[in-house]
Amino acid sequence: MYAASMLGIFSLLITIAVPVLLVFISIWIYQIKKNSETQVEQNKEIIQLLKKD
């Protein structure tokens, strides 16, 4: 009886944890993509400044 209730709680935690982890991973990937695009723009500006000399 005790094991069954623990299994139910464990199943509930997994059911809640998976979508939460997916949201966090999606946010993390979005931030990496956004930072990458910013870095590409900064690199283009640096290259243009170096070409002016």
N, C-alpha and C. Protein backbone atom coordinates (compact mmCIF):
# COMPACT_ATOMS: atom_id res chain seq x y z
N MET A 1 0.83 -1.19 0.00
CA MET A 1 0.00 0.00 0.00
C MET A 1 0.87 1.25 0.00
N TYR A 2 1.91 1.25 0.81
CA TYR A 2 2.81 2.41 0.88
C TYR A 2 3.56 2.59 -0.43
N ALA A 3 3.99 1.47 -1.03
CA ALA A 3 4.74 1.53 -2.29
C ALA A 3 3.86 2.08 -3.41
N ALA A 4 2.60 1.74 -3.41
CA ALA A 4 1.70 2.21 -4.46
C ALA A 4 1.51 3.72 -4.38
N SER A 5 1.39 4.25 -3.17
CA SER A 5 1.22 5.69 -3.04
C SER A 5 2.51 6.42 -3.42
N MET A 6 3.66 5.85 -3.09
CA MET A 6 4.93 6.46 -3.49
C MET A 6 5.08 6.45 -5.00
N LEU A 7 4.64 5.36 -5.62
CA LEU A 7 4.71 5.25 -7.09
C LEU A 7 3.80 6.29 -7.73
N GLY A 8 2.65 6.53 -7.13
CA GLY A 8 1.73 7.54 -7.65
C GLY A 8 2.32 8.94 -7.54
N ILE A 9 2.96 9.24 -6.44
CA ILE A 9 3.60 10.55 -6.26
C ILE A 9 4.75 10.70 -7.24
N PHE A 10 5.52 9.65 -7.42
CA PHE A 10 6.64 9.68 -8.36
C PHE A 10 6.14 9.90 -9.79
N SER A 11 5.06 9.23 -10.16
CA SER A 11 4.47 9.40 -11.49
C SER A 11 3.98 10.84 -11.69
N LEU A 12 3.38 11.40 -10.65
CA LEU A 12 2.91 12.78 -10.73
C LEU A 12 4.07 13.75 -10.91
N LEU A 13 5.15 13.54 -10.18
CA LEU A 13 6.32 14.41 -10.31
C LEU A 13 6.92 14.34 -11.71
N ILE A 14 7.00 13.14 -12.26
CA ILE A 14 7.52 12.99 -13.62
C ILE A 14 6.60 13.67 -14.62
N THR A 15 5.30 13.52 -14.44
CA THR A 15 4.33 14.12 -15.34
C THR A 15 4.45 15.65 -15.31
N ILE A 16 4.75 16.22 -14.18
CA ILE A 16 4.91 17.67 -14.06
C ILE A 16 6.30 18.10 -14.53
N ALA A 17 7.31 17.32 -14.23
CA ALA A 17 8.69 17.70 -14.52
C ALA A 17 9.00 17.73 -16.02
N VAL A 18 8.44 16.81 -16.78
CA VAL A 18 8.77 16.74 -18.21
C VAL A 18 8.34 18.01 -18.95
N PRO A 19 7.11 18.49 -18.84
CA PRO A 19 6.76 19.74 -19.53
C PRO A 19 7.55 20.95 -19.03
N VAL A 20 7.82 20.99 -17.74
CA VAL A 20 8.60 22.11 -17.20
C VAL A 20 10.01 22.10 -17.79
N LEU A 21 10.62 20.93 -17.87
CA LEU A 21 11.95 20.83 -18.47
C LEU A 21 11.92 21.21 -19.94
N LEU A 22 10.89 20.82 -20.66
CA LEU A 22 10.77 21.20 -22.06
C LEU A 22 10.69 22.72 -22.23
N VAL A 23 9.95 23.37 -21.35
CA VAL A 23 9.85 24.83 -21.41
C VAL A 23 11.21 25.46 -21.14
N PHE A 24 11.91 25.01 -20.11
CA PHE A 24 13.22 25.57 -19.79
C PHE A 24 14.22 25.34 -20.92
N ILE A 25 14.19 24.16 -21.51
CA ILE A 25 15.11 23.87 -22.62
C ILE A 25 14.78 24.74 -23.83
N SER A 26 13.49 24.94 -24.10
CA SER A 26 13.10 25.81 -25.21
C SER A 26 13.56 27.25 -24.99
N ILE A 27 13.41 27.76 -23.78
CA ILE A 27 13.86 29.12 -23.46
C ILE A 27 15.38 29.21 -23.62
N TRP A 28 16.09 28.20 -23.15
CA TRP A 28 17.55 28.18 -23.23
C TRP A 28 18.01 28.20 -24.69
N ILE A 29 17.38 27.38 -25.54
CA ILE A 29 17.73 27.34 -26.96
C ILE A 29 17.43 28.68 -27.62
N TYR A 30 16.31 29.30 -27.28
CA TYR A 30 15.97 30.61 -27.84
C TYR A 30 17.01 31.65 -27.46
N GLN A 31 17.45 31.65 -26.21
CA GLN A 31 18.45 32.62 -25.77
C GLN A 31 19.79 32.40 -26.48
N ILE A 32 20.17 31.16 -26.69
CA ILE A 32 21.40 30.86 -27.42
C ILE A 32 21.30 31.39 -28.84
N LYS A 33 20.17 31.17 -29.49
CA LYS A 33 19.97 31.64 -30.86
C LYS A 33 20.02 33.16 -30.92
N LYS A 34 19.36 33.82 -29.98
CA LYS A 34 19.34 35.28 -29.96
C LYS A 34 20.75 35.84 -29.73
N ASN A 35 21.48 35.26 -28.81
CA ASN A 35 22.85 35.71 -28.54
C ASN A 35 23.75 35.45 -29.74
N SER A 36 23.53 34.37 -30.44
CA SER A 36 24.32 34.06 -31.62
C SER A 36 24.08 35.10 -32.72
N GLU A 37 22.83 35.47 -32.92
CA GLU A 37 22.52 36.48 -33.92
C GLU A 37 23.14 37.83 -33.55
N THR A 38 23.12 38.17 -32.28
CA THR A 38 23.75 39.42 -31.82
C THR A 38 25.25 39.38 -32.07
N GLN A 39 25.87 38.25 -31.80
CA GLN A 39 27.31 38.13 -31.99
C GLN A 39 27.67 38.23 -33.46
N VAL A 40 26.86 37.67 -34.34
CA VAL A 40 27.11 37.77 -35.78
C VAL A 40 27.07 39.23 -36.21
N GLU A 41 26.09 39.99 -35.74
CA GLU A 41 25.99 41.41 -36.08
C GLU A 41 27.20 42.19 -35.56
N GLN A 42 27.61 41.88 -34.35
CA GLN A 42 28.78 42.56 -33.79
C GLN A 42 30.04 42.23 -34.59
N ASN A 43 30.18 40.99 -35.03
CA ASN A 43 31.34 40.61 -35.83
C ASN A 43 31.34 41.34 -37.16
N LYS A 44 30.17 41.51 -37.76
CA LYS A 44 30.08 42.26 -39.02
C LYS A 44 30.52 43.70 -38.82
N GLU A 45 30.09 44.31 -37.72
CA GLU A 45 30.49 45.70 -37.43
C GLU A 45 32.01 45.79 -37.22
N ILE A 46 32.57 44.84 -36.53
CA ILE A 46 34.02 44.84 -36.29
C ILE A 46 34.77 44.70 -37.60
N ILE A 47 34.31 43.83 -38.47
CA ILE A 47 34.97 43.64 -39.77
C ILE A 47 34.90 44.93 -40.58
N GLN A 48 33.76 45.60 -40.58
CA GLN A 48 33.64 46.86 -41.32
C GLN A 48 34.57 47.91 -40.74
N LEU A 49 34.68 47.99 -39.42
CA LEU A 49 35.59 48.96 -38.82
C LEU A 49 37.05 48.65 -39.17
N LEU A 50 37.38 47.39 -39.23
CA LEU A 50 38.75 47.02 -39.58
C LEU A 50 39.05 47.32 -41.03
N LYS A 51 38.05 47.22 -41.89
CA LYS A 51 38.26 47.49 -43.32
C LYS A 51 38.44 48.97 -43.59
N LYS A 52 37.95 49.84 -42.72
CA LYS A 52 38.05 51.28 -42.92
C LYS A 52 39.49 51.77 -42.80
N ASP A 53 40.32 51.05 -42.08
CA ASP A 53 41.70 51.51 -41.88
C ASP A 53 42.53 51.38 -43.09
